[in-house]
PDB file of N, CA and C in Angstrom:
ATOM      1  N   MET A   1     149.148 -48.553 283.456  1.00  0.00           N
ATOM      2  CA  MET A   1     148.158 -49.255 282.730  1.00  0.00           C
ATOM      3  C   MET A   1     147.416 -48.237 281.515  1.00  0.00           C
ATOM      4  N   ASN A   2     147.249 -48.752 280.328  1.00  0.00           N
ATOM      5  CA  ASN A   2     146.788 -47.682 279.555  1.00  0.00           C
ATOM      6  C   ASN A   2     145.274 -48.222 279.732  1.00  0.00           C
ATOM      7  N   HIS A   3     144.548 -46.712 279.628  1.00  0.00           N
ATOM      8  CA  HIS A   3     142.969 -47.036 279.772  1.00  0.00           C
ATOM      9  C   HIS A   3     142.345 -46.517 278.733  1.00  0.00           C
ATOM     10  N   THR A   4     143.153 -46.675 277.391  1.00  0.00           N
ATOM     11  CA  THR A   4     142.302 -46.406 276.127  1.00  0.00           C
ATOM     12  C   THR A   4     141.496 -47.562 275.638  1.00  0.00           C
ATOM     13  N   GLU A   5     140.634 -47.544 275.034  1.00  0.00           N
ATOM     14  CA  GLU A   5     139.463 -48.785 274.681  1.00  0.00           C
ATOM     15  C   GLU A   5     140.447 -49.284 273.605  1.00  0.00           C
ATOM     16  N   LYS A   6     140.236 -50.652 273.348  1.00  0.00           N
ATOM     17  CA  LYS A   6     140.873 -51.443 272.578  1.00  0.00           C
ATOM     18  C   LYS A   6     139.565 -52.273 271.951  1.00  0.00           C
ATOM     19  N   ILE A   7     140.058 -52.232 270.630  1.00  0.00           N
ATOM     20  CA  ILE A   7     138.779 -52.803 269.760  1.00  0.00           C
ATOM     21  C   ILE A   7     138.836 -54.388 269.675  1.00  0.00           C
ATOM     22  N   HIS A   8     138.219 -55.245 270.153  1.00  0.00           N
ATOM     23  CA  HIS A   8     138.257 -56.640 270.373  1.00  0.00           C
ATOM     24  C   HIS A   8     137.447 -57.491 269.075  1.00  0.00           C
ATOM     25  N   ARG A   9     138.129 -58.326 268.655  1.00  0.00           N
ATOM     26  CA  ARG A   9     137.277 -59.042 267.833  1.00  0.00           C
ATOM     27  C   ARG A   9     136.226 -59.210 267.970  1.00  0.00           C
ATOM     28  N   SER A  10     135.494 -59.742 269.148  1.00  0.00           N
ATOM     29  CA  SER A  10     134.158 -59.768 269.168  1.00  0.00           C
ATOM     30  C   SER A  10     133.512 -58.511 269.267  1.00  0.00           C
ATOM     31  N   ASP A  11     133.891 -57.304 269.451  1.00  0.00           N
ATOM     32  CA  ASP A  11     133.089 -56.087 269.066  1.00  0.00           C
ATOM     33  C   ASP A  11     133.045 -56.103 267.526  1.00  0.00           C
ATOM     34  N   ILE A  12     133.733 -56.501 266.796  1.00  0.00           N
ATOM     35  CA  ILE A  12     133.844 -56.190 265.467  1.00  0.00           C
ATOM     36  C   ILE A  12     132.486 -57.264 264.857  1.00  0.00           C
ATOM     37  N   GLY A  13     132.400 -58.612 265.319  1.00  0.00           N
ATOM     38  CA  GLY A  13     131.598 -59.379 264.920  1.00  0.00           C
ATOM     39  C   GLY A  13     130.325 -58.892 265.508  1.00  0.00           C
ATOM     40  N   HIS A  14     130.038 -58.325 266.385  1.00  0.00           N
ATOM     41  CA  HIS A  14     128.612 -57.837 266.918  1.00  0.00           C
ATOM     42  C   HIS A  14     128.224 -56.760 265.909  1.00  0.00           C
ATOM     43  N   PHE A  15     129.066 -56.070 265.315  1.00  0.00           N
ATOM     44  CA  PHE A  15     128.805 -54.944 264.552  1.00  0.00           C
ATOM     45  C   PHE A  15     128.483 -55.357 263.197  1.00  0.00           C
ATOM     46  N   TRP A  16     129.006 -56.420 262.714  1.00  0.00           N
ATOM     47  CA  TRP A  16     128.781 -57.070 261.544  1.00  0.00           C
ATOM     48  C   TRP A  16     127.265 -57.889 261.743  1.00  0.00           C
ATOM     49  N   LYS A  17     127.108 -58.423 263.037  1.00  0.00           N
ATOM     50  CA  LYS A  17     125.646 -59.457 262.986  1.00  0.00           C
ATOM     51  C   LYS A  17     124.638 -58.265 263.253  1.00  0.00           C
ATOM     52  N   GLY A  18     125.033 -57.048 263.639  1.00  0.00           N
ATOM     53  CA  GLY A  18     123.808 -56.101 263.866  1.00  0.00           C
ATOM     54  C   GLY A  18     123.566 -55.364 262.535  1.00  0.00           C
ATOM     55  N   LEU A  19     124.684 -55.725 261.608  1.00  0.00           N
ATOM     56  CA  LEU A  19     124.344 -54.847 260.459  1.00  0.00           C
ATOM     57  C   LEU A  19     123.644 -55.808 259.240  1.00  0.00           C
ATOM     58  N   ILE A  20     123.674 -56.940 259.421  1.00  0.00           N
ATOM     59  CA  ILE A  20     123.264 -58.136 258.616  1.00  0.00           C
ATOM     60  C   ILE A  20     121.737 -57.870 258.369  1.00  0.00           C
ATOM     61  N   LEU A  21     120.924 -57.694 259.389  1.00  0.00           N
ATOM     62  CA  LEU A  21     119.358 -57.890 259.268  1.00  0.00           C
ATOM     63  C   LEU A  21     119.121 -56.281 258.152  1.00  0.00           C
ATOM     64  N   PRO A  22     119.480 -55.243 258.632  1.00  0.00           N
ATOM     65  CA  PRO A  22     119.397 -54.015 258.109  1.00  0.00           C
ATOM     66  C   PRO A  22     119.480 -54.137 256.570  1.00  0.00           C
ATOM     67  N   VAL A  23     120.626 -54.649 256.205  1.00  0.00           N
ATOM     68  CA  VAL A  23     120.891 -54.730 254.870  1.00  0.00           C
ATOM     69  C   VAL A  23     120.291 -55.776 253.975  1.00  0.00           C
ATOM     70  N   LEU A  24     120.077 -56.734 254.737  1.00  0.00           N
ATOM     71  CA  LEU A  24     119.049 -57.572 253.911  1.00  0.00           C
ATOM     72  C   LEU A  24     117.536 -56.972 253.855  1.00  0.00           C
ATOM     73  N   ILE A  25     117.072 -56.532 254.985  1.00  0.00           N
ATOM     74  CA  ILE A  25     115.809 -55.480 254.663  1.00  0.00           C
ATOM     75  C   ILE A  25     115.545 -54.631 253.511  1.00  0.00           C
ATOM     76  N   PHE A  26     117.192 -53.993 253.269  1.00  0.00           N
ATOM     77  CA  PHE A  26     117.417 -52.859 252.288  1.00  0.00           C
ATOM     78  C   PHE A  26     117.591 -53.555 250.861  1.00  0.00           C
ATOM     79  N   LEU A  27     118.093 -54.869 251.042  1.00  0.00           N
ATOM     80  CA  LEU A  27     118.423 -55.569 249.675  1.00  0.00           C
ATOM     81  C   LEU A  27     116.563 -55.931 249.279  1.00  0.00           C
ATOM     82  N   GLY A  28     116.184 -56.393 249.967  1.00  0.00           N
ATOM     83  CA  GLY A  28     114.747 -56.885 249.999  1.00  0.00           C
ATOM     84  C   GLY A  28     113.645 -55.800 249.344  1.00  0.00           C
ATOM     85  N   LEU A  29     113.618 -54.578 249.997  1.00  0.00           N
ATOM     86  CA  LEU A  29     113.141 -53.616 249.327  1.00  0.00           C
ATOM     87  C   LEU A  29     113.612 -52.976 248.137  1.00  0.00           C
ATOM     88  N   LEU A  30     114.819 -53.237 247.886  1.00  0.00           N
ATOM     89  CA  LEU A  30     115.465 -52.608 246.633  1.00  0.00           C
ATOM     90  C   LEU A  30     114.744 -53.723 245.600  1.00  0.00           C
ATOM     91  N   LEU A  31     114.868 -55.158 245.810  1.00  0.00           N
ATOM     92  CA  LEU A  31     114.461 -55.853 244.854  1.00  0.00           C
ATOM     93  C   LEU A  31     112.808 -55.628 244.374  1.00  0.00           C
ATOM     94  N   PHE A  32     112.144 -55.562 245.707  1.00  0.00           N
ATOM     95  CA  PHE A  32     110.657 -55.414 245.585  1.00  0.00           C
ATOM     96  C   PHE A  32     110.342 -53.882 244.706  1.00  0.00           C
ATOM     97  N   LEU A  33     111.144 -53.113 245.101  1.00  0.00           N
ATOM     98  CA  LEU A  33     110.897 -51.848 244.248  1.00  0.00           C
ATOM     99  C   LEU A  33     111.343 -51.983 242.560  1.00  0.00           C
ATOM    100  N   SER A  34     112.210 -52.638 242.534  1.00  0.00           N
ATOM    101  CA  SER A  34     112.738 -53.042 241.130  1.00  0.00           C
ATOM    102  C   SER A  34     111.802 -53.821 240.410  1.00  0.00           C
ATOM    103  N   ALA A  35     111.173 -54.976 240.858  1.00  0.00           N
ATOM    104  CA  ALA A  35     110.167 -55.810 240.203  1.00  0.00           C
ATOM    105  C   ALA A  35     108.810 -54.863 239.752  1.00  0.00           C
ATOM    106  N   GLY A  36     108.531 -53.987 241.022  1.00  0.00           N
ATOM    107  CA  GLY A  36     107.427 -52.995 240.937  1.00  0.00           C
ATOM    108  C   GLY A  36     107.334 -52.022 239.437  1.00  0.00           C
ATOM    109  N   ILE A  37     108.655 -51.496 239.497  1.00  0.00           N
ATOM    110  CA  ILE A  37     108.960 -50.324 238.506  1.00  0.00           C
ATOM    111  C   ILE A  37     109.003 -51.221 236.861  1.00  0.00           C
ATOM    112  N   GLY A  38     109.630 -52.701 237.039  1.00  0.00           N
ATOM    113  CA  GLY A  38     109.395 -53.372 235.664  1.00  0.00           C
ATOM    114  C   GLY A  38     107.957 -53.631 235.485  1.00  0.00           C
ATOM    115  N   ASN A  39     107.152 -53.952 236.248  1.00  0.00           N
ATOM    116  CA  ASN A  39     105.798 -54.274 236.194  1.00  0.00           C
ATOM    117  C   ASN A  39     104.898 -52.950 235.445  1.00  0.00           C
ATOM    118  N   VAL A  40     104.968 -51.729 236.223  1.00  0.00           N
ATOM    119  CA  VAL A  40     104.329 -50.645 235.584  1.00  0.00           C
ATOM    120  C   VAL A  40     105.064 -50.360 234.247  1.00  0.00           C
ATOM    121  N   SER A  41     106.208 -50.296 233.871  1.00  0.00           N
ATOM    122  CA  SER A  41     106.963 -50.251 232.833  1.00  0.00           C
ATOM    123  C   SER A  41     106.175 -51.068 231.567  1.00  0.00           C
ATOM    124  N   SER A  42     105.909 -52.310 232.068  1.00  0.00           N
ATOM    125  CA  SER A  42     105.426 -53.248 231.050  1.00  0.00           C
ATOM    126  C   SER A  42     103.880 -52.873 230.694  1.00  0.00           C
ATOM    127  N   LEU A  43     102.987 -52.596 231.812  1.00  0.00           N
ATOM    128  CA  LEU A  43     101.784 -52.169 231.552  1.00  0.00           C
ATOM    129  C   LEU A  43     101.762 -50.956 230.920  1.00  0.00           C
ATOM    130  N   SER A  44     102.784 -50.056 230.839  1.00  0.00           N
ATOM    131  CA  SER A  44     102.654 -48.621 230.360  1.00  0.00           C
ATOM    132  C   SER A  44     102.916 -48.901 228.801  1.00  0.00           C
ATOM    133  N   GLU A  45     103.841 -50.032 228.562  1.00  0.00           N
ATOM    134  CA  GLU A  45     103.947 -50.177 226.998  1.00  0.00           C
ATOM    135  C   GLU A  45     102.750 -50.906 226.509  1.00  0.00           C
ATOM    136  N   GLU A  46     102.246 -51.744 227.352  1.00  0.00           N
ATOM    137  CA  GLU A  46     100.861 -52.308 226.684  1.00  0.00           C
ATOM    138  C   GLU A  46      99.963 -51.305 226.404  1.00  0.00           C
ATOM    139  N   GLU A  47      99.615 -50.512 227.388  1.00  0.00           N
ATOM    140  CA  GLU A  47      98.647 -49.254 227.301  1.00  0.00           C
ATOM    141  C   GLU A  47      99.013 -48.199 226.056  1.00  0.00           C
ATOM    142  N   SER A  48      99.980 -48.340 225.674  1.00  0.00           N
ATOM    143  CA  SER A  48     100.687 -47.487 224.222  1.00  0.00           C
ATOM    144  C   SER A  48      99.892 -48.147 223.139  1.00  0.00           C
ATOM    145  N   ARG A  49     100.412 -49.517 223.050  1.00  0.00           N
ATOM    146  CA  ARG A  49      99.924 -50.306 222.000  1.00  0.00           C
ATOM    147  C   ARG A  49      98.467 -50.334 221.878  1.00  0.00           C
ATOM    148  N   ARG A  50      97.814 -50.534 222.930  1.00  0.00           N
ATOM    149  CA  ARG A  50      96.114 -50.492 223.087  1.00  0.00           C
ATOM    150  C   ARG A  50      95.789 -49.169 222.403  1.00  0.00           C
ATOM    151  N   CYS A  51      96.376 -48.083 222.829  1.00  0.00           N
ATOM    152  CA  CYS A  51      95.914 -46.695 222.626  1.00  0.00           C
ATOM    153  C   CYS A  51      96.306 -46.496 221.104  1.00  0.00           C
ATOM    154  N   LEU A  52      97.431 -46.917 220.431  1.00  0.00           N
ATOM    155  CA  LEU A  52      97.514 -46.732 219.420  1.00  0.00           C
ATOM    156  C   LEU A  52      96.491 -47.404 218.235  1.00  0.00           C
ATOM    157  N   GLN A  53      96.238 -49.012 218.824  1.00  0.00           N
ATOM    158  CA  GLN A  53      95.307 -49.899 217.942  1.00  0.00           C
ATOM    159  C   GLN A  53      93.775 -49.158 217.931  1.00  0.00           C
ATOM    160  N   ASP A  54      93.471 -48.297 219.476  1.00  0.00           N
ATOM    161  CA  ASP A  54      92.231 -48.144 219.369  1.00  0.00           C
ATOM    162  C   ASP A  54      91.982 -46.555 218.482  1.00  0.00           C
ATOM    163  N   ALA A  55      93.021 -45.877 218.173  1.00  0.00           N
ATOM    164  CA  ALA A  55      93.014 -44.464 217.300  1.00  0.00           C
ATOM    165  C   ALA A  55      93.028 -45.124 215.865  1.00  0.00           C
ATOM    166  N   VAL A  56      93.694 -46.131 215.694  1.00  0.00           N
ATOM    167  CA  VAL A  56      93.333 -46.571 214.275  1.00  0.00           C
ATOM    168  C   VAL A  56      92.200 -47.031 213.811  1.00  0.00           C
ATOM    169  N   ILE A  57      91.795 -47.642 214.683  1.00  0.00           N
ATOM    170  CA  ILE A  57      90.243 -48.160 214.690  1.00  0.00           C
ATOM    171  C   ILE A  57      89.355 -47.103 214.205  1.00  0.00           C
ATOM    172  N   ARG A  58      89.311 -46.122 215.344  1.00  0.00           N
ATOM    173  CA  ARG A  58      88.314 -45.045 215.200  1.00  0.00           C
ATOM    174  C   ARG A  58      88.764 -43.992 213.973  1.00  0.00           C
ATOM    175  N   ALA A  59      89.984 -43.885 213.489  1.00  0.00           N
ATOM    176  CA  ALA A  59      90.534 -43.274 212.138  1.00  0.00           C
ATOM    177  C   ALA A  59      89.525 -43.931 210.863  1.00  0.00           C
ATOM    178  N   THR A  60      89.764 -45.356 211.206  1.00  0.00           N
ATOM    179  CA  THR A  60      89.059 -46.232 210.375  1.00  0.00           C
ATOM    180  C   THR A  60      87.646 -46.056 209.937  1.00  0.00           C
ATOM    181  N   VAL A  61      87.041 -46.086 211.168  1.00  0.00           N
ATOM    182  CA  VAL A  61      85.549 -46.106 211.374  1.00  0.00           C
ATOM    183  C   VAL A  61      85.230 -44.768 211.129  1.00  0.00           C
ATOM    184  N   GLN A  62      85.814 -43.428 211.345  1.00  0.00           N
ATOM    185  CA  GLN A  62      85.579 -42.150 210.828  1.00  0.00           C
ATOM    186  C   GLN A  62      85.718 -42.133 209.116  1.00  0.00           C
ATOM    187  N   CYS A  63      86.478 -42.592 208.618  1.00  0.00           N
ATOM    188  CA  CYS A  63      86.792 -42.543 207.314  1.00  0.00           C
ATOM    189  C   CYS A  63      85.674 -43.289 206.338  1.00  0.00           C
ATOM    190  N   TYR A  64      85.165 -44.618 207.038  1.00  0.00           N
ATOM    191  CA  TYR A  64      83.846 -45.291 206.545  1.00  0.00           C
ATOM    192  C   TYR A  64      82.591 -44.597 206.441  1.00  0.00           C
ATOM    193  N   ALA A  65      82.808 -43.720 207.723  1.00  0.00           N
ATOM    194  CA  ALA A  65      81.371 -42.754 207.819  1.00  0.00           C
ATOM    195  C   ALA A  65      81.338 -41.819 207.244  1.00  0.00           C
ATOM    196  N   LEU A  66      82.446 -41.079 206.970  1.00  0.00           N
ATOM    197  CA  LEU A  66      82.334 -40.097 206.103  1.00  0.00           C
ATOM    198  C   LEU A  66      82.561 -39.974 204.315  1.00  0.00           C
ATOM    199  N   GLU A  67      83.341 -41.284 203.921  1.00  0.00           N
ATOM    200  CA  GLU A  67      83.398 -41.614 202.814  1.00  0.00           C
ATOM    201  C   GLU A  67      82.863 -42.235 201.885  1.00  0.00           C
ATOM    202  N   GLY A  68      82.190 -43.609 203.158  1.00  0.00           N
ATOM    203  CA  GLY A  68      81.417 -44.657 202.680  1.00  0.00           C
ATOM    204  C   GLY A  68      81.945 -45.652 202.262  1.00  0.00           C
ATOM    205  N   MET A  69      83.629 -45.451 202.614  1.00  0.00           N
ATOM    206  CA  MET A  69      84.349 -46.960 202.098  1.00  0.00           C
ATOM    207  C   MET A  69      85.474 -46.922 203.267  1.00  0.00           C
ATOM    208  N   TYR A  70      86.022 -48.030 203.624  1.00  0.00           N
ATOM    209  CA  TYR A  70      86.864 -48.084 204.716  1.00  0.00           C
ATOM    210  C   TYR A  70      88.401 -47.709 203.782  1.00  0.00           C
ATOM    211  N   PRO A  71      89.442 -47.056 204.583  1.00  0.00           N
ATOM    212  CA  PRO A  71      90.736 -46.743 204.009  1.00  0.00           C
ATOM    213  C   PRO A  71      91.251 -47.839 203.314  1.00  0.00           C
ATOM    214  N   PRO A  72      91.970 -47.643 202.058  1.00  0.00           N
ATOM    215  CA  PRO A  72      92.534 -48.612 201.636  1.00  0.00           C
ATOM    216  C   PRO A  72      94.069 -48.848 202.146  1.00  0.00           C
ATOM    217  N   ASN A  73      94.697 -48.038 203.044  1.00  0.00           N
ATOM    218  CA  ASN A  73      95.985 -48.222 203.987  1.00  0.00           C
ATOM    219  C   ASN A  73      96.363 -47.679 205.057  1.00  0.00           C
ATOM    220  N   ILE A  74      97.088 -47.874 205.544  1.00  0.00           N
ATOM    221  CA  ILE A  74      97.279 -46.857 206.532  1.00  0.00           C
ATOM    222  C   ILE A  74      98.039 -45.654 206.521  1.00  0.00           C
ATOM    223  N   GLU A  75      98.642 -45.590 205.255  1.00  0.00           N
ATOM    224  CA  GLU A  75      99.259 -44.361 204.814  1.00  0.00           C
ATOM    225  C   GLU A  75      97.884 -43.471 204.462  1.00  0.00           C
ATOM    226  N   TYR A  76      96.746 -43.479 204.002  1.00  0.00           N
ATOM    227  CA  TYR A  76      95.695 -42.999 203.726  1.00  0.00           C
ATOM    228  C   TYR A  76      95.297 -42.183 204.955  1.00  0.00           C
ATOM    229  N   LEU A  77      94.979 -43.143 206.210  1.00  0.00           N
ATOM    230  CA  LEU A  77      94.670 -42.641 207.318  1.00  0.00           C
ATOM    231  C   LEU A  77      95.743 -41.416 207.922  1.00  0.00           C
ATOM    232  N   GLU A  78      97.114 -41.499 207.705  1.00  0.00           N
ATOM    233  CA  GLU A  78      98.063 -40.752 208.102  1.00  0.00           C
ATOM    234  C   GLU A  78      97.969 -39.175 207.208  1.00  0.00           C
ATOM    235  N   ASP A  79      97.960 -39.607 206.147  1.00  0.00           N
ATOM    236  CA  ASP A  79      97.435 -38.357 205.052  1.00  0.00           C
ATOM    237  C   ASP A  79      96.210 -37.612 205.388  1.00  0.00           C
ATOM    238  N   HIS A  80      95.142 -38.340 205.413  1.00  0.00           N
ATOM    239  CA  HIS A  80      94.015 -37.677 205.471  1.00  0.00           C
ATOM    240  C   HIS A  80      93.019 -37.495 206.909  1.00  0.00           C
ATOM    241  N   TYR A  81      93.588 -38.369 207.945  1.00  0.00           N
ATOM    242  CA  TYR A  81      92.784 -38.255 208.970  1.00  0.00           C
ATOM    243  C   TYR A  81      93.668 -37.908 210.251  1.00  0.00           C
ATOM    244  N   GLY A  82      94.814 -37.738 210.157  1.00  0.00           N
ATOM    245  CA  GLY A  82      95.956 -36.845 210.828  1.00  0.00           C
ATOM    246  C   GLY A  82      96.455 -38.038 211.946  1.00  0.00           C
ATOM    247  N   LEU A  83      96.701 -39.228 211.525  1.00  0.00           N
ATOM    248  CA  LEU A  83      97.132 -40.414 212.371  1.00  0.00           C
ATOM    249  C   LEU A  83      98.481 -40.401 212.311  1.00  0.00           C
ATOM    250  N   SER A  84      99.200 -40.580 213.798  1.00  0.00           N
ATOM    251  CA  SER A  84     100.839 -40.436 213.492  1.00  0.00           C
ATOM    252  C   SER A  84     101.299 -41.524 214.788  1.00  0.00           C
ATOM    253  N   PHE A  85     102.173 -42.209 214.160  1.00  0.00           N
ATOM    254  CA  PHE A  85     102.939 -43.092 215.334  1.00  0.00           C
ATOM    255  C   PHE A  85     103.969 -43.159 214.776  1.00  0.00           C
ATOM    256  N   ASP A  86     104.716 -43.828 215.720  1.00  0.00           N
ATOM    257  CA  ASP A  86     106.400 -43.929 215.879  1.00  0.00           C
ATOM    258  C   ASP A  86     106.661 -45.493 215.097  1.00  0.00           C
ATOM    259  N   ARG A  87     107.101 -45.228 213.639  1.00  0.00           N
ATOM    260  CA  ARG A  87     107.220 -46.395 213.271  1.00  0.00           C
ATOM    261  C   ARG A  87     108.649 -47.167 213.470  1.00  0.00           C
ATOM    262  N   GLU A  88     109.311 -46.854 214.375  1.00  0.00           N
ATOM    263  CA  GLU A  88     110.630 -47.527 214.921  1.00  0.00           C
ATOM    264  C   GLU A  88     110.152 -48.147 216.048  1.00  0.00           C
ATOM    265  N   ARG A  89     108.888 -47.747 216.720  1.00  0.00           N
ATOM    266  CA  ARG A  89     108.740 -48.980 217.951  1.00  0.00           C
ATOM    267  C   ARG A  89     107.079 -49.573 217.494  1.00  0.00           C
ATOM    268  N   PHE A  90     106.343 -49.194 216.617  1.00  0.00           N
ATOM    269  CA  PHE A  90     105.234 -49.784 216.373  1.00  0.00           C
ATOM    270  C   PHE A  90     105.287 -50.219 214.859  1.00  0.00           C
ATOM    271  N   ILE A  91     104.654 -51.491 214.588  1.00  0.00           N
ATOM    272  CA  ILE A  91     104.162 -52.143 213.229  1.00  0.00           C
ATOM    273  C   ILE A  91     102.725 -52.127 213.235  1.00  0.00           C
ATOM    274  N   VAL A  92     101.940 -51.393 212.609  1.00  0.00           N
ATOM    275  CA  VAL A  92     100.872 -51.704 212.116  1.00  0.00           C
ATOM    276  C   VAL A  92     100.004 -52.550 211.105  1.00  0.00           C
ATOM    277  N   HIS A  93      99.818 -53.568 211.532  1.00  0.00           N
ATOM    278  CA  HIS A  93      99.144 -54.688 210.302  1.00  0.00           C
ATOM    279  C   HIS A  93      97.829 -53.818 210.076  1.00  0.00           C
ATOM    280  N   TYR A  94      97.557 -53.815 208.673  1.00  0.00           N
ATOM    281  CA  TYR A  94      96.345 -53.172 208.333  1.00  0.00           C
ATOM    282  C   TYR A  94      95.865 -53.984 206.865  1.00  0.00           C
ATOM    283  N   GLU A  95      95.348 -54.914 207.324  1.00  0.00           N
ATOM    284  CA  GLU A  95      94.852 -55.741 206.021  1.00  0.00           C
ATOM    285  C   GLU A  95      93.327 -55.533 205.594  1.00  0.00           C
ATOM    286  N   VAL A  96      93.241 -54.975 204.422  1.00  0.00           N
ATOM    287  CA  VAL A  96      91.819 -54.689 203.802  1.00  0.00           C
ATOM    288  C   VAL A  96      91.255 -55.893 202.828  1.00  0.00           C
ATOM    289  N   PHE A  97      90.105 -56.594 203.302  1.00  0.00           N
ATOM    290  CA  PHE A  97      89.098 -57.667 202.625  1.00  0.00           C
ATOM    291  C   PHE A  97      88.360 -56.843 201.312  1.00  0.00           C
ATOM    292  N   ALA A  98      87.814 -55.787 201.633  1.00  0.00           N
ATOM    293  CA  ALA A  98      86.965 -55.477 200.752  1.00  0.00           C
ATOM    294  C   ALA A  98      86.667 -53.801 201.353  1.00  0.00           C
ATOM    295  N   GLY A  99      85.879 -52.815 200.745  1.00  0.00           N
ATOM    296  CA  GLY A  99      85.727 -51.596 200.864  1.00  0.00           C
ATOM    297  C   GLY A  99      84.899 -51.240 202.007  1.00  0.00           C
ATOM    298  N   ASN A 100      83.811 -52.410 202.302  1.00  0.00           N
ATOM    299  CA  ASN A 100      82.688 -52.459 203.013  1.00  0.00           C
ATOM    300  C   ASN A 100      82.994 -53.096 204.177  1.00  0.00           C
ATOM    301  N   ILE A 101      84.130 -53.984 204.241  1.00  0.00           N
ATOM    302  CA  ILE A 101      84.112 -54.884 205.314  1.00  0.00           C
ATOM    303  C   ILE A 101      85.398 -54.094 206.229  1.00  0.00           C
ATOM    304  N   LEU A 102      85.212 -54.141 207.648  1.00  0.00           N
ATOM    305  CA  LEU A 102      86.388 -53.554 208.630  1.00  0.00           C
ATOM    306  C   LEU A 102      87.474 -54.282 208.183  1.00  0.00           C
ATOM    307  N   PRO A 103      88.583 -53.300 208.144  1.00  0.00           N
ATOM    308  CA  PRO A 103      90.119 -54.180 207.848  1.00  0.00           C
ATOM    309  C   PRO A 103      90.375 -54.865 209.290  1.00  0.00           C
ATOM    310  N   ASP A 104      91.058 -55.844 208.844  1.00  0.00           N
ATOM    311  CA  ASP A 104      91.974 -56.298 209.941  1.00  0.00           C
ATOM    312  C   ASP A 104      93.102 -55.612 210.676  1.00  0.00           C
ATOM    313  N   ILE A 105      92.857 -55.034 211.792  1.00  0.00           N
ATOM    314  CA  ILE A 105      94.138 -54.003 212.295  1.00  0.00           C
ATOM    315  C   ILE A 105      94.888 -54.644 213.567  1.00  0.00           C
ATOM    316  N   THR A 106      95.911 -55.003 213.240  1.00  0.00           N
ATOM    317  CA  THR A 106      97.280 -55.464 214.412  1.00  0.00           C
ATOM    318  C   THR A 106      98.127 -54.338 214.898  1.00  0.00           C
ATOM    319  N   VAL A 107      98.172 -54.041 216.056  1.00  0.00           N
ATOM    320  CA  VAL A 107      99.325 -53.304 216.519  1.00  0.00           C
ATOM    321  C   VAL A 107     100.377 -53.849 217.374  1.00  0.00           C
ATOM    322  N   ILE A 108     101.631 -54.004 216.619  1.00  0.00           N
ATOM    323  CA  ILE A 108     102.691 -54.793 217.434  1.00  0.00           C
ATOM    324  C   ILE A 108     103.850 -53.671 218.152  1.00  0.00           C
ATOM    325  N   ASP A 109     103.904 -53.671 219.368  1.00  0.00           N
ATOM    326  CA  ASP A 109     104.924 -52.794 219.988  1.00  0.00           C
ATOM    327  C   ASP A 109     106.504 -53.593 219.732  1.00  0.00           C
ATOM    328  N   LEU A 110     107.164 -53.193 219.334  1.00  0.00           N
ATOM    329  CA  LEU A 110     108.325 -53.711 218.796  1.00  0.00           C
ATOM    330  C   LEU A 110     109.447 -53.608 220.320  1.00  0.00           C
ATOM    331  N   SER A 111     109.084 -52.762 221.118  1.00  0.00           N
ATOM    332  CA  SER A 111     110.116 -52.353 222.421  1.00  0.00           C
ATOM    333  C   SER A 111     109.645 -53.396 223.520  1.00  0.00           C
ATOM    334  N   MET A 112     108.474 -54.269 223.396  1.00  0.00           N
ATOM    335  CA  MET A 112     108.333 -55.162 224.449  1.00  0.00           C
ATOM    336  C   MET A 112     108.903 -56.303 224.189  1.00  0.00           C
TER     337      MET A 112
END
């Protein structure tokens, strides 16, 4: 009689049944982590947009305080007040009504 162990089909079935729960838990954690990373990424993009908008407003107000008028365009802020931003990622809408009224400033993030 041969005393070597034989692998039965029922042993293989128990192996797979014992593996299902850990694999499902791993996939659930992976999904949870992926959703969390996506959420952090979108928050970071929104924060970048808001920081740029705040910087444009600060430079605009600084120009008004120093020169007595709001800058005529966004390029003026870049040339005279050191404002810089990635034009491939952001659109800065800067609409002037008059030299003594705060311009309408909107920043759009193209990566969102």
